[in-house]
Amino acid sequence: MGNLFCIMGKSASGKDTLYRQILADRTLSLRRLVPYTTRPIRFGETEGVEYHFVDEQRLAELQKEGRVIELRAYHTMHGVWNYFTVNDAQIDLDTQNYLMITTLDAYGKIREYFGGSSVFPVYVETEDGIRLQRALDRERLQKEPKYKELCRRFLADAEDFSEEKLNAAGITKRFANDGLEDARRRITEYIRTVTERGI
């Protein structure tokens, strides 16, 4: 029986970098589970790596086919951006282990869809000041920086990942990202324990 590990955390917490590093560890035998979005692709992103970038028409088709597991719509400064997970050819939990990046709300829906015995949270924490500086540095690299959207996301994180919501989702284990190498090591050990010992 396979497992699905969901990396979560506030924006600029380092989850994307940790995701790439952990996925690259061949000893873990993890497969990428790529979510979908209708937002525009950003500079430095690649189709099929961070997301499958689709339009509203394709989203509607997937919904009609009953393949959308969870869907989140964000009203941004640039219109509505949808993020969602699709039960597509990527997923075979009978035989494979997967790693994906998602939100707390999406984690709950994915866990409900596949069952709690095969879906595990990996919650990454980073101090707010460090996150804000990282987010600013990253946004400056964009051809057209969207600082208002950055601020909206940063403020929304406080609500989306409140202690009340973390507790309600059963998030009891947390991984502090005080340094990437140490955080990667601890998350890797956790994933290895789950997959090898079946806890």
Protein backbone atom coordinates (compact mmCIF):
# COMPACT_ATOMS: atom_id res chain seq x y z
CA MET A 1 0.00 0.00 0.00
CA GLY A 2 1.38 3.40 -0.97
CA ASN A 3 1.37 6.69 0.92
CA LEU A 4 0.81 10.31 -0.06
CA PHE A 5 2.84 12.93 1.80
CA CYS A 6 1.46 16.50 1.70
CA ILE A 7 3.98 19.27 2.30
CA MET A 8 2.29 22.38 3.67
CA GLY A 9 3.35 25.72 5.04
CA LYS A 10 2.85 29.44 4.77
CA SER A 11 4.16 31.26 1.70
CA ALA A 12 7.97 31.48 1.47
CA SER A 13 8.42 28.94 4.28
CA GLY A 14 10.85 26.98 2.11
CA LYS A 15 8.44 24.16 1.27
CA ASP A 16 9.12 24.36 -2.48
CA THR A 17 12.88 23.95 -2.01
CA LEU A 18 12.39 21.15 0.51
CA TYR A 19 9.96 19.48 -1.86
CA ARG A 20 12.53 19.46 -4.68
CA GLN A 21 15.34 18.22 -2.44
CA ILE A 22 13.28 15.42 -0.86
CA LEU A 23 11.85 14.34 -4.20
CA ALA A 24 15.40 14.11 -5.59
CA ASP A 25 16.36 11.57 -2.89
CA ARG A 26 16.10 8.34 -4.88
CA THR A 27 16.33 6.20 -1.72
CA LEU A 28 12.83 7.36 -0.73
CA SER A 29 11.23 6.17 -3.99
CA LEU A 30 8.76 9.07 -4.02
CA ARG A 31 6.85 10.13 -7.09
CA ARG A 32 5.78 13.67 -7.85
CA LEU A 33 2.07 14.44 -7.63
CA VAL A 34 1.60 17.65 -9.56
CA PRO A 35 -1.43 19.84 -8.75
CA TYR A 36 -3.27 22.02 -11.25
CA THR A 37 -3.84 25.77 -11.45
CA THR A 38 -5.49 28.34 -13.70
CA ARG A 39 -3.13 31.12 -12.66
CA PRO A 40 -0.49 32.37 -15.14
CA ILE A 41 2.83 30.59 -15.14
CA ARG A 42 5.57 32.52 -13.32
CA PHE A 43 9.10 33.19 -14.49
CA GLY A 44 11.25 30.16 -13.66
CA GLU A 45 8.33 27.71 -13.49
CA THR A 46 7.89 24.75 -15.82
CA GLU A 47 4.66 23.11 -16.96
CA GLY A 48 4.23 19.76 -15.22
CA VAL A 49 6.78 20.53 -12.51
CA GLU A 50 5.31 23.06 -10.07
CA TYR A 51 1.81 22.77 -11.56
CA HIS A 52 -0.18 21.73 -14.59
CA PHE A 53 -1.19 25.14 -15.94
CA VAL A 54 -4.66 24.97 -17.49
CA ASP A 55 -7.44 27.35 -18.45
CA GLU A 56 -10.96 27.66 -17.07
CA GLN A 57 -12.38 25.53 -19.87
CA ARG A 58 -10.11 22.60 -18.98
CA LEU A 59 -11.05 22.94 -15.31
CA ALA A 60 -14.74 22.78 -16.25
CA GLU A 61 -14.10 19.63 -18.30
CA LEU A 62 -12.31 17.92 -15.40
CA GLN A 63 -15.14 18.87 -13.03
CA LYS A 64 -17.72 17.48 -15.45
CA GLU A 65 -15.76 14.22 -15.57
CA GLY A 66 -15.83 14.07 -11.75
CA ARG A 67 -12.05 13.99 -11.49
CA VAL A 68 -11.45 17.07 -9.31
CA ILE A 69 -10.64 15.93 -5.74
CA GLU A 70 -10.45 19.41 -4.24
CA LEU A 71 -10.66 22.95 -5.57
CA ARG A 72 -9.65 26.31 -4.10
CA ALA A 73 -10.53 29.63 -5.72
CA TYR A 74 -8.54 32.73 -4.72
CA HIS A 75 -9.80 36.21 -5.56
CA THR A 76 -6.51 37.97 -6.29
CA MET A 77 -5.65 41.45 -7.52
CA HIS A 78 -5.44 39.88 -11.00
CA GLY A 79 -8.69 37.92 -11.04
CA VAL A 80 -9.73 34.49 -9.76
CA TRP A 81 -6.95 31.91 -9.63
CA ASN A 82 -7.98 28.28 -9.09
CA TYR A 83 -5.77 25.62 -7.56
CA PHE A 84 -6.91 22.00 -7.54
CA THR A 85 -5.98 18.32 -7.34
CA VAL A 86 -7.11 15.86 -9.98
CA ASN A 87 -7.53 12.11 -9.76
CA ASP A 88 -5.65 11.46 -12.97
CA ALA A 89 -3.18 8.94 -14.36
CA GLN A 90 -0.51 10.17 -11.94
CA ILE A 91 -2.04 8.44 -8.93
CA ASP A 92 -1.69 4.75 -8.01
CA LEU A 93 -1.77 4.45 -4.22
CA ASP A 94 -1.90 0.69 -4.43
CA THR A 95 1.78 0.49 -5.28
CA GLN A 96 3.45 3.94 -5.17
CA ASN A 97 4.46 6.61 -2.64
CA TYR A 98 3.89 10.26 -3.56
CA LEU A 99 4.97 13.73 -2.50
CA MET A 100 3.02 16.91 -3.20
CA ILE A 101 2.75 20.51 -2.05
CA THR A 102 -0.69 21.60 -0.92
CA THR A 103 -2.66 23.78 1.49
CA LEU A 104 -4.13 22.85 4.84
CA ASP A 105 -7.68 22.88 3.48
CA ALA A 106 -6.71 20.80 0.46
CA TYR A 107 -4.87 18.32 2.68
CA GLY A 108 -8.08 17.71 4.61
CA LYS A 109 -10.06 17.05 1.43
CA ILE A 110 -7.37 14.81 -0.04
CA ARG A 111 -7.19 12.86 3.23
CA GLU A 112 -10.96 12.46 3.20
CA TYR A 113 -10.89 11.31 -0.43
CA PHE A 114 -8.11 8.72 -0.11
CA GLY A 115 -8.46 7.83 3.57
CA GLY A 116 -6.44 8.79 6.62
CA SER A 117 -4.33 5.64 6.61
CA SER A 118 -2.48 6.62 3.42
CA VAL A 119 -2.26 10.45 3.55
CA PHE A 120 0.31 12.13 5.84
CA PRO A 121 0.94 15.83 6.57
CA VAL A 122 4.39 17.44 6.51
CA TYR A 123 3.93 20.93 7.98
CA VAL A 124 6.88 23.33 7.52
CA GLU A 125 7.26 26.39 9.78
CA THR A 126 9.47 29.46 9.30
CA GLU A 127 9.62 32.72 11.28
CA ASP A 128 7.41 35.43 9.72
CA GLY A 129 10.18 38.01 9.21
CA ILE A 130 12.31 35.51 7.31
CA ARG A 131 9.34 34.50 5.18
CA LEU A 132 8.49 38.08 4.28
CA GLN A 133 12.06 38.86 3.21
CA ARG A 134 12.22 35.70 1.10
CA ALA A 135 8.91 36.56 -0.56
CA LEU A 136 10.10 40.08 -1.40
CA ASP A 137 13.39 38.80 -2.81
CA ARG A 138 11.56 36.26 -4.96
CA GLU A 139 8.97 38.74 -6.24
CA ARG A 140 11.68 41.20 -7.32
CA LEU A 141 12.90 38.58 -9.81
CA GLN A 142 9.56 38.54 -11.65
CA LYS A 143 9.27 40.52 -14.89
CA GLU A 144 6.25 42.28 -13.40
CA PRO A 145 6.42 42.07 -9.59
CA LYS A 146 3.00 41.79 -7.94
CA TYR A 147 3.63 43.24 -4.49
CA LYS A 148 -0.05 43.72 -3.65
CA GLU A 149 -0.68 40.04 -4.27
CA LEU A 150 2.36 39.16 -2.16
CA CYS A 151 0.92 41.16 0.74
CA ARG A 152 -2.50 39.57 0.31
CA ARG A 153 -0.98 36.07 0.45
CA PHE A 154 1.15 36.91 3.46
CA LEU A 155 -1.81 38.23 5.46
CA ALA A 156 -4.07 35.37 4.35
CA ASP A 157 -1.53 32.85 5.68
CA ALA A 158 -2.26 33.92 9.26
CA GLU A 159 -5.88 32.87 8.81
CA ASP A 160 -5.30 29.84 6.58
CA PHE A 161 -2.75 28.32 8.98
CA SER A 162 -4.18 29.50 12.30
CA GLU A 163 -3.55 27.33 15.34
CA GLU A 164 -7.25 26.54 15.46
CA LYS A 165 -7.22 25.21 11.90
CA LEU A 166 -3.98 23.30 12.40
CA ASN A 167 -5.43 21.60 15.46
CA ALA A 168 -8.70 20.83 13.69
CA ALA A 169 -6.75 19.18 10.86
CA GLY A 170 -4.84 17.04 13.33
CA ILE A 171 -1.46 18.62 12.57
CA THR A 172 0.59 17.64 15.61
CA LYS A 173 4.02 17.14 14.03
CA ARG A 174 5.81 20.23 12.72
CA PHE A 175 9.14 20.74 10.97
CA ALA A 176 10.87 24.05 11.74
CA ASN A 177 12.83 25.35 8.76
CA ASP A 178 15.61 27.11 10.65
CA GLY A 179 18.04 25.65 8.12
CA LEU A 180 17.25 23.75 4.95
CA GLU A 181 19.67 20.88 5.52
CA ASP A 182 18.42 20.12 9.02
CA ALA A 183 14.77 20.44 7.99
CA ARG A 184 15.35 18.19 4.97
CA ARG A 185 17.03 15.56 7.13
CA ARG A 186 14.22 15.48 9.69
CA ILE A 187 11.48 15.31 7.07
CA THR A 188 13.35 12.59 5.20
CA GLU A 189 13.66 10.52 8.38
CA TYR A 190 9.94 10.92 9.02
CA ILE A 191 8.98 9.84 5.49
CA ARG A 192 11.35 6.90 5.63
CA THR A 193 9.86 5.78 8.96
CA VAL A 194 6.32 5.91 7.60
CA THR A 195 7.09 4.09 4.35
CA GLU A 196 9.40 1.44 5.79
CA ARG A 197 7.68 0.72 9.10
CA GLY A 198 4.13 1.43 8.04
CA ILE A 199 3.22 3.62 11.05
